Amino acid sequence: MREWLKDRRERKCLTQEQASELCGISRSYYTHIENDVKTPTVKVAKVIAEVLDFDWTSFFKEEGSLKEHFP
Protein backbone atom coordinates (compact mmCIF):
# COMPACT_ATOMS: atom_id res chain seq x y z
CA MET A 1 0.00 0.00 0.00
CA ARG A 2 1.13 3.52 -0.71
CA GLU A 3 0.57 4.87 2.79
CA TRP A 4 2.04 8.21 1.78
CA LEU A 5 -0.64 8.60 -0.90
CA LYS A 6 -3.41 7.66 1.51
CA ASP A 7 -2.02 10.17 4.01
CA ARG A 8 -1.98 12.93 1.38
CA ARG A 9 -5.59 12.17 0.42
CA GLU A 10 -6.72 12.10 4.05
CA ARG A 11 -4.95 15.40 4.76
CA LYS A 12 -7.16 16.91 2.07
CA CYS A 13 -10.19 15.30 3.80
CA LEU A 14 -11.08 13.37 0.67
CA THR A 15 -12.50 9.89 0.23
CA GLN A 16 -11.14 7.67 -2.51
CA GLU A 17 -14.32 8.39 -4.45
CA GLN A 18 -13.87 12.15 -4.15
CA ALA A 19 -10.18 11.98 -5.05
CA SER A 20 -10.89 9.85 -8.10
CA GLU A 21 -13.61 12.24 -9.27
CA LEU A 22 -11.31 15.25 -8.90
CA CYS A 23 -8.64 13.37 -10.85
CA GLY A 24 -11.03 12.29 -13.59
CA ILE A 25 -10.34 8.58 -13.14
CA SER A 26 -12.45 5.68 -11.91
CA ARG A 27 -12.54 4.90 -8.21
CA SER A 28 -11.26 1.38 -8.88
CA TYR A 29 -8.25 2.72 -10.79
CA TYR A 30 -7.51 5.21 -8.01
CA THR A 31 -7.86 2.46 -5.38
CA HIS A 32 -5.48 0.22 -7.34
CA ILE A 33 -2.94 3.06 -7.44
CA GLU A 34 -3.30 3.79 -3.73
CA ASN A 35 -3.02 0.09 -2.89
CA ASP A 36 0.14 -0.16 -5.04
CA VAL A 37 -1.49 -2.69 -7.36
CA LYS A 38 -1.00 -0.39 -10.36
CA THR A 39 1.41 2.38 -11.19
CA PRO A 40 -0.25 5.38 -12.79
CA THR A 41 0.69 6.69 -16.19
CA VAL A 42 2.71 9.89 -16.16
CA LYS A 43 -0.41 11.84 -17.18
CA VAL A 44 -2.48 10.38 -14.32
CA ALA A 45 0.41 10.76 -11.84
CA LYS A 46 0.58 14.47 -12.68
CA VAL A 47 -3.16 14.93 -12.17
CA ILE A 48 -3.20 13.08 -8.83
CA ALA A 49 -0.16 15.04 -7.68
CA GLU A 50 -1.83 18.32 -8.59
CA VAL A 51 -5.04 17.40 -6.76
CA LEU A 52 -3.24 16.12 -3.65
CA ASP A 53 -0.37 18.64 -3.75
CA PHE A 54 2.87 16.68 -4.12
CA ASP A 55 5.62 16.07 -6.68
CA TRP A 56 4.29 13.67 -9.33
CA THR A 57 7.65 11.93 -9.63
CA SER A 58 7.08 10.49 -6.15
CA PHE A 59 5.19 7.63 -7.79
CA PHE A 60 8.39 6.54 -9.51
CA LYS A 61 10.83 6.76 -6.59
CA GLU A 62 11.75 4.08 -4.11
CA GLU A 63 9.41 3.75 -1.13
CA GLY A 64 12.18 4.62 1.31
CA SER A 65 12.68 8.01 -0.26
CA LEU A 66 8.92 8.62 -0.26
CA LYS A 67 8.85 8.29 3.51
CA GLU A 68 11.42 11.05 3.64
CA HIS A 69 9.25 13.27 1.44
CA PHE A 70 6.04 12.59 3.35
CA PRO A 71 6.83 12.16 7.07
PDB file of N, CA and C in Angstrom:
ATOM      1  N   MET A   1       0.838  -1.184   0.000  1.00  0.00           N
ATOM      2  CA  MET A   1       0.000   0.000   0.000  1.00  0.00           C
ATOM      3  C   MET A   1       0.880   1.242   0.000  1.00  0.00           C
ATOM      4  N   ARG A   2       0.436   2.232  -0.711  1.00  0.00           N
ATOM      5  CA  ARG A   2       1.130   3.520  -0.714  1.00  0.00           C
ATOM      6  C   ARG A   2       0.552   4.370   0.411  1.00  0.00           C
ATOM      7  N   GLU A   3       1.065   4.133   1.612  1.00  0.00           N
ATOM      8  CA  GLU A   3       0.575   4.867   2.788  1.00  0.00           C
ATOM      9  C   GLU A   3       0.724   6.369   2.605  1.00  0.00           C
ATOM     10  N   TRP A   4       1.810   6.778   1.973  1.00  0.00           N
ATOM     11  CA  TRP A   4       2.038   8.207   1.777  1.00  0.00           C
ATOM     12  C   TRP A   4       0.930   8.832   0.924  1.00  0.00           C
ATOM     13  N   LEU A   5       0.430   8.082  -0.056  1.00  0.00           N
ATOM     14  CA  LEU A   5      -0.640   8.601  -0.903  1.00  0.00           C
ATOM     15  C   LEU A   5      -1.949   8.680  -0.118  1.00  0.00           C
ATOM     16  N   LYS A   6      -2.223   7.650   0.656  1.00  0.00           N
ATOM     17  CA  LYS A   6      -3.412   7.660   1.508  1.00  0.00           C
ATOM     18  C   LYS A   6      -3.346   8.832   2.481  1.00  0.00           C
ATOM     19  N   ASP A   7      -2.191   9.053   3.072  1.00  0.00           N
ATOM     20  CA  ASP A   7      -2.018  10.174   4.007  1.00  0.00           C
ATOM     21  C   ASP A   7      -2.274  11.512   3.327  1.00  0.00           C
ATOM     22  N   ARG A   8      -1.764  11.672   2.111  1.00  0.00           N
ATOM     23  CA  ARG A   8      -1.976  12.932   1.382  1.00  0.00           C
ATOM     24  C   ARG A   8      -3.469  13.146   1.113  1.00  0.00           C
ATOM     25  N   ARG A   9      -4.151  12.074   0.694  1.00  0.00           N
ATOM     26  CA  ARG A   9      -5.586  12.165   0.420  1.00  0.00           C
ATOM     27  C   ARG A   9      -6.352  12.519   1.685  1.00  0.00           C
ATOM     28  N   GLU A  10      -6.023  11.849   2.787  1.00  0.00           N
ATOM     29  CA  GLU A  10      -6.718  12.100   4.046  1.00  0.00           C
ATOM     30  C   GLU A  10      -6.438  13.503   4.578  1.00  0.00           C
ATOM     31  N   ARG A  11      -5.253  14.023   4.343  1.00  0.00           N
ATOM     32  CA  ARG A  11      -4.950  15.401   4.763  1.00  0.00           C
ATOM     33  C   ARG A  11      -5.835  16.410   4.042  1.00  0.00           C
ATOM     34  N   LYS A  12      -6.256  16.058   2.840  1.00  0.00           N
ATOM     35  CA  LYS A  12      -7.159  16.913   2.070  1.00  0.00           C
ATOM     36  C   LYS A  12      -8.622  16.613   2.412  1.00  0.00           C
ATOM     37  N   CYS A  13      -8.836  15.699   3.367  1.00  0.00           N
ATOM     38  CA  CYS A  13     -10.189  15.302   3.801  1.00  0.00           C
ATOM     39  C   CYS A  13     -11.027  14.772   2.640  1.00  0.00           C
ATOM     40  N   LEU A  14     -10.401  13.943   1.817  1.00  0.00           N
ATOM     41  CA  LEU A  14     -11.080  13.368   0.666  1.00  0.00           C
ATOM     42  C   LEU A  14     -11.232  11.867   0.825  1.00  0.00           C
ATOM     43  N   THR A  15     -12.342  11.338   0.345  1.00  0.00           N
ATOM     44  CA  THR A  15     -12.500   9.890   0.234  1.00  0.00           C
ATOM     45  C   THR A  15     -11.837   9.457  -1.066  1.00  0.00           C
ATOM     46  N   GLN A  16     -11.683   8.164  -1.243  1.00  0.00           N
ATOM     47  CA  GLN A  16     -11.141   7.671  -2.512  1.00  0.00           C
ATOM     48  C   GLN A  16     -12.057   8.069  -3.661  1.00  0.00           C
ATOM     49  N   GLU A  17     -13.346   8.003  -3.426  1.00  0.00           N
ATOM     50  CA  GLU A  17     -14.319   8.386  -4.452  1.00  0.00           C
ATOM     51  C   GLU A  17     -14.152   9.852  -4.844  1.00  0.00           C
ATOM     52  N   GLN A  18     -14.028  10.726  -3.864  1.00  0.00           N
ATOM     53  CA  GLN A  18     -13.868  12.155  -4.146  1.00  0.00           C
ATOM     54  C   GLN A  18     -12.554  12.427  -4.869  1.00  0.00           C
ATOM     55  N   ALA A  19     -11.491  11.787  -4.414  1.00  0.00           N
ATOM     56  CA  ALA A  19     -10.183  11.981  -5.051  1.00  0.00           C
ATOM     57  C   ALA A  19     -10.223  11.514  -6.501  1.00  0.00           C
ATOM     58  N   SER A  20     -10.822  10.364  -6.734  1.00  0.00           N
ATOM     59  CA  SER A  20     -10.886   9.847  -8.101  1.00  0.00           C
ATOM     60  C   SER A  20     -11.702  10.774  -9.001  1.00  0.00           C
ATOM     61  N   GLU A  21     -12.796  11.318  -8.484  1.00  0.00           N
ATOM     62  CA  GLU A  21     -13.613  12.241  -9.270  1.00  0.00           C
ATOM     63  C   GLU A  21     -12.830  13.502  -9.624  1.00  0.00           C
ATOM     64  N   LEU A  22     -12.113  14.053  -8.651  1.00  0.00           N
ATOM     65  CA  LEU A  22     -11.308  15.246  -8.904  1.00  0.00           C
ATOM     66  C   LEU A  22     -10.197  14.981  -9.919  1.00  0.00           C
ATOM     67  N   CYS A  23      -9.718  13.746  -9.938  1.00  0.00           N
ATOM     68  CA  CYS A  23      -8.639  13.365 -10.853  1.00  0.00           C
ATOM     69  C   CYS A  23      -9.159  12.929 -12.218  1.00  0.00           C
ATOM     70  N   GLY A  24     -10.457  12.709 -12.318  1.00  0.00           N
ATOM     71  CA  GLY A  24     -11.026  12.294 -13.589  1.00  0.00           C
ATOM     72  C   GLY A  24     -10.741  10.845 -13.948  1.00  0.00           C
ATOM     73  N   ILE A  25     -10.581  10.005 -12.914  1.00  0.00           N
ATOM     74  CA  ILE A  25     -10.344   8.578 -13.137  1.00  0.00           C
ATOM     75  C   ILE A  25     -11.359   7.780 -12.321  1.00  0.00           C
ATOM     76  N   SER A  26     -11.490   6.508 -12.638  1.00  0.00           N
ATOM     77  CA  SER A  26     -12.447   5.685 -11.906  1.00  0.00           C
ATOM     78  C   SER A  26     -11.955   5.436 -10.487  1.00  0.00           C
ATOM     79  N   ARG A  27     -12.905   5.188  -9.602  1.00  0.00           N
ATOM     80  CA  ARG A  27     -12.542   4.896  -8.214  1.00  0.00           C
ATOM     81  C   ARG A  27     -11.694   3.639  -8.145  1.00  0.00           C
ATOM     82  N   SER A  28     -12.028   2.624  -8.941  1.00  0.00           N
ATOM     83  CA  SER A  28     -11.259   1.376  -8.879  1.00  0.00           C
ATOM     84  C   SER A  28      -9.812   1.600  -9.320  1.00  0.00           C
ATOM     85  N   TYR A  29      -9.613   2.425 -10.344  1.00  0.00           N
ATOM     86  CA  TYR A  29      -8.245   2.720 -10.791  1.00  0.00           C
ATOM     87  C   TYR A  29      -7.499   3.470  -9.697  1.00  0.00           C
ATOM     88  N   TYR A  30      -8.156   4.463  -9.096  1.00  0.00           N
ATOM     89  CA  TYR A  30      -7.514   5.207  -8.010  1.00  0.00           C
ATOM     90  C   TYR A  30      -7.160   4.269  -6.859  1.00  0.00           C
ATOM     91  N   THR A  31      -8.093   3.398  -6.487  1.00  0.00           N
ATOM     92  CA  THR A  31      -7.863   2.455  -5.385  1.00  0.00           C
ATOM     93  C   THR A  31      -6.690   1.540  -5.700  1.00  0.00           C
ATOM     94  N   HIS A  32      -6.603   1.075  -6.938  1.00  0.00           N
ATOM     95  CA  HIS A  32      -5.475   0.220  -7.337  1.00  0.00           C
ATOM     96  C   HIS A  32      -4.149   0.975  -7.221  1.00  0.00           C
ATOM     97  N   ILE A  33      -4.161   2.245  -7.566  1.00  0.00           N
ATOM     98  CA  ILE A  33      -2.945   3.059  -7.444  1.00  0.00           C
ATOM     99  C   ILE A  33      -2.581   3.228  -5.974  1.00  0.00           C
ATOM    100  N   GLU A  34      -3.562   3.587  -5.148  1.00  0.00           N
ATOM    101  CA  GLU A  34      -3.302   3.794  -3.727  1.00  0.00           C
ATOM    102  C   GLU A  34      -2.842   2.504  -3.043  1.00  0.00           C
ATOM    103  N   ASN A  35      -3.391   1.375  -3.477  1.00  0.00           N
ATOM    104  CA  ASN A  35      -3.017   0.085  -2.888  1.00  0.00           C
ATOM    105  C   ASN A  35      -1.755  -0.500  -3.501  1.00  0.00           C
ATOM    106  N   ASP A  36      -1.114   0.246  -4.398  1.00  0.00           N
ATOM    107  CA  ASP A  36       0.138  -0.155  -5.036  1.00  0.00           C
ATOM    108  C   ASP A  36      -0.023  -1.405  -5.905  1.00  0.00           C
ATOM    109  N   VAL A  37      -1.235  -1.591  -6.430  1.00  0.00           N
ATOM    110  CA  VAL A  37      -1.492  -2.687  -7.362  1.00  0.00           C
ATOM    111  C   VAL A  37      -1.109  -2.245  -8.768  1.00  0.00           C
ATOM    112  N   LYS A  38      -1.335  -0.954  -9.056  1.00  0.00           N
ATOM    113  CA  LYS A  38      -1.001  -0.391 -10.359  1.00  0.00           C
ATOM    114  C   LYS A  38      -0.179   0.871 -10.170  1.00  0.00           C
ATOM    115  N   THR A  39       0.667   1.129 -11.158  1.00  0.00           N
ATOM    116  CA  THR A  39       1.412   2.376 -11.193  1.00  0.00           C
ATOM    117  C   THR A  39       0.719   3.267 -12.216  1.00  0.00           C
ATOM    118  N   PRO A  40       0.454   4.509 -11.848  1.00  0.00           N
ATOM    119  CA  PRO A  40      -0.247   5.377 -12.786  1.00  0.00           C
ATOM    120  C   PRO A  40       0.619   5.756 -13.978  1.00  0.00           C
ATOM    121  N   THR A  41      -0.038   6.116 -15.073  1.00  0.00           N
ATOM    122  CA  THR A  41       0.688   6.694 -16.192  1.00  0.00           C
ATOM    123  C   THR A  41       1.236   8.042 -15.744  1.00  0.00           C
ATOM    124  N   VAL A  42       2.160   8.579 -16.494  1.00  0.00           N
ATOM    125  CA  VAL A  42       2.712   9.891 -16.163  1.00  0.00           C
ATOM    126  C   VAL A  42       1.598  10.927 -16.133  1.00  0.00           C
ATOM    127  N   LYS A  43       0.703  10.877 -17.112  1.00  0.00           N
ATOM    128  CA  LYS A  43      -0.406  11.841 -17.177  1.00  0.00           C
ATOM    129  C   LYS A  43      -1.270  11.769 -15.915  1.00  0.00           C
ATOM    130  N   VAL A  44      -1.640  10.560 -15.507  1.00  0.00           N
ATOM    131  CA  VAL A  44      -2.477  10.382 -14.319  1.00  0.00           C
ATOM    132  C   VAL A  44      -1.694  10.764 -13.061  1.00  0.00           C
ATOM    133  N   ALA A  45      -0.424  10.408 -12.998  1.00  0.00           N
ATOM    134  CA  ALA A  45       0.408  10.759 -11.843  1.00  0.00           C
ATOM    135  C   ALA A  45       0.434  12.276 -11.649  1.00  0.00           C
ATOM    136  N   LYS A  46       0.548  13.010 -12.762  1.00  0.00           N
ATOM    137  CA  LYS A  46       0.578  14.470 -12.683  1.00  0.00           C
ATOM    138  C   LYS A  46      -0.744  15.036 -12.173  1.00  0.00           C
ATOM    139  N   VAL A  47      -1.848  14.453 -12.610  1.00  0.00           N
ATOM    140  CA  VAL A  47      -3.159  14.933 -12.165  1.00  0.00           C
ATOM    141  C   VAL A  47      -3.357  14.648 -10.678  1.00  0.00           C
ATOM    142  N   ILE A  48      -3.053  13.431 -10.251  1.00  0.00           N
ATOM    143  CA  ILE A  48      -3.199  13.078  -8.833  1.00  0.00           C
ATOM    144  C   ILE A  48      -2.318  13.987  -7.979  1.00  0.00           C
ATOM    145  N   ALA A  49      -1.091  14.194  -8.425  1.00  0.00           N
ATOM    146  CA  ALA A  49      -0.159  15.040  -7.682  1.00  0.00           C
ATOM    147  C   ALA A  49      -0.668  16.476  -7.571  1.00  0.00           C
ATOM    148  N   GLU A  50      -1.286  16.957  -8.631  1.00  0.00           N
ATOM    149  CA  GLU A  50      -1.831  18.320  -8.589  1.00  0.00           C
ATOM    150  C   GLU A  50      -3.000  18.396  -7.611  1.00  0.00           C
ATOM    151  N   VAL A  51      -3.868  17.407  -7.644  1.00  0.00           N
ATOM    152  CA  VAL A  51      -5.039  17.398  -6.759  1.00  0.00           C
ATOM    153  C   VAL A  51      -4.623  17.262  -5.296  1.00  0.00           C
ATOM    154  N   LEU A  52      -3.634  16.401  -5.034  1.00  0.00           N
ATOM    155  CA  LEU A  52      -3.243  16.120  -3.649  1.00  0.00           C
ATOM    156  C   LEU A  52      -2.000  16.893  -3.201  1.00  0.00           C
ATOM    157  N   ASP A  53      -1.449  17.715  -4.093  1.00  0.00           N
ATOM    158  CA  ASP A  53      -0.367  18.644  -3.754  1.00  0.00           C
ATOM    159  C   ASP A  53       0.942  17.953  -3.354  1.00  0.00           C
ATOM    160  N   PHE A  54       1.533  17.253  -4.307  1.00  0.00           N
ATOM    161  CA  PHE A  54       2.869  16.679  -4.117  1.00  0.00           C
ATOM    162  C   PHE A  54       3.556  16.557  -5.464  1.00  0.00           C
ATOM    163  N   ASP A  55       4.833  16.218  -5.451  1.00  0.00           N
ATOM    164  CA  ASP A  55       5.621  16.069  -6.676  1.00  0.00           C
ATOM    165  C   ASP A  55       5.232  14.768  -7.370  1.00  0.00           C
ATOM    166  N   TRP A  56       4.775  14.843  -8.606  1.00  0.00           N
ATOM    167  CA  TRP A  56       4.286  13.674  -9.332  1.00  0.00           C
ATOM    168  C   TRP A  56       5.336  12.583  -9.497  1.00  0.00           C
ATOM    169  N   THR A  57       6.605  12.939  -9.458  1.00  0.00           N
ATOM    170  CA  THR A  57       7.646  11.925  -9.633  1.00  0.00           C
ATOM    171  C   THR A  57       7.750  10.993  -8.424  1.00  0.00           C
ATOM    172  N   SER A  58       7.067  11.343  -7.342  1.00  0.00           N
ATOM    173  CA  SER A  58       7.082  10.493  -6.149  1.00  0.00           C
ATOM    174  C   SER A  58       6.569   9.087  -6.443  1.00  0.00           C
ATOM    175  N   PHE A  59       5.700   8.946  -7.428  1.00  0.00           N
ATOM    176  CA  PHE A  59       5.194   7.628  -7.790  1.00  0.00           C
ATOM    177  C   PHE A  59       6.298   6.714  -8.318  1.00  0.00           C
ATOM    178  N   PHE A  60       7.361   7.303  -8.825  1.00  0.00           N
ATOM    179  CA  PHE A  60       8.385   6.541  -9.510  1.00  0.00           C
ATOM    180  C   PHE A  60       9.700   6.463  -8.740  1.00  0.00           C
ATOM    181  N   LYS A  61       9.661   6.835  -7.464  1.00  0.00           N
ATOM    182  CA  LYS A  61      10.830   6.757  -6.594  1.00  0.00           C
ATOM    183  C   LYS A  61      10.690   5.565  -5.668  1.00  0.00           C
ATOM    184  N   GLU A  62      11.783   5.183  -5.067  1.00  0.00           N
ATOM    185  CA  GLU A  62      11.750   4.084  -4.106  1.00  0.00           C
ATOM    186  C   GLU A  62      10.925   4.471  -2.895  1.00  0.00           C
ATOM    187  N   GLU A  63      10.281   3.490  -2.276  1.00  0.00           N
ATOM    188  CA  GLU A  63       9.408   3.747  -1.130  1.00  0.00           C
ATOM    189  C   GLU A  63      10.167   4.420   0.013  1.00  0.00           C
ATOM    190  N   GLY A  64      11.403   4.032   0.226  1.00  0.00           N
ATOM    191  CA  GLY A  64      12.177   4.624   1.308  1.00  0.00           C
ATOM    192  C   GLY A  64      12.302   6.131   1.160  1.00  0.00           C
ATOM    193  N   SER A  65      12.548   6.578  -0.062  1.00  0.00           N
ATOM    194  CA  SER A  65      12.683   8.014  -0.264  1.00  0.00           C
ATOM    195  C   SER A  65      11.337   8.725  -0.135  1.00  0.00           C
ATOM    196  N   LEU A  66      10.239   8.021  -0.415  1.00  0.00           N
ATOM    197  CA  LEU A  66       8.921   8.625  -0.256  1.00  0.00           C
ATOM    198  C   LEU A  66       8.639   8.939   1.199  1.00  0.00           C
ATOM    199  N   LYS A  67       9.069   8.054   2.080  1.00  0.00           N
ATOM    200  CA  LYS A  67       8.854   8.286   3.507  1.00  0.00           C
ATOM    201  C   LYS A  67       9.586   9.551   3.946  1.00  0.00           C
ATOM    202  N   GLU A  68      10.707   9.821   3.323  1.00  0.00           N
ATOM    203  CA  GLU A  68      11.425  11.052   3.642  1.00  0.00           C
ATOM    204  C   GLU A  68      10.662  12.265   3.146  1.00  0.00           C
ATOM    205  N   HIS A  69       9.993  12.155   1.992  1.00  0.00           N
ATOM    206  CA  HIS A  69       9.248  13.272   1.445  1.00  0.00           C
ATOM    207  C   HIS A  69       7.950  13.537   2.175  1.00  0.00           C
ATOM    208  N   PHE A  70       7.338  12.473   2.706  1.00  0.00           N
ATOM    209  CA  PHE A  70       6.038  12.595   3.349  1.00  0.00           C
ATOM    210  C   PHE A  70       6.076  12.010   4.751  1.00  0.00           C
ATOM    211  N   PRO A  71       6.719  12.700   5.703  1.00  0.00           N
ATOM    212  CA  PRO A  71       6.826  12.161   7.070  1.00  0.00           C
ATOM    213  C   PRO A  71       5.484  12.088   7.767  1.00  0.00           C
TER     214      PRO A  71
END
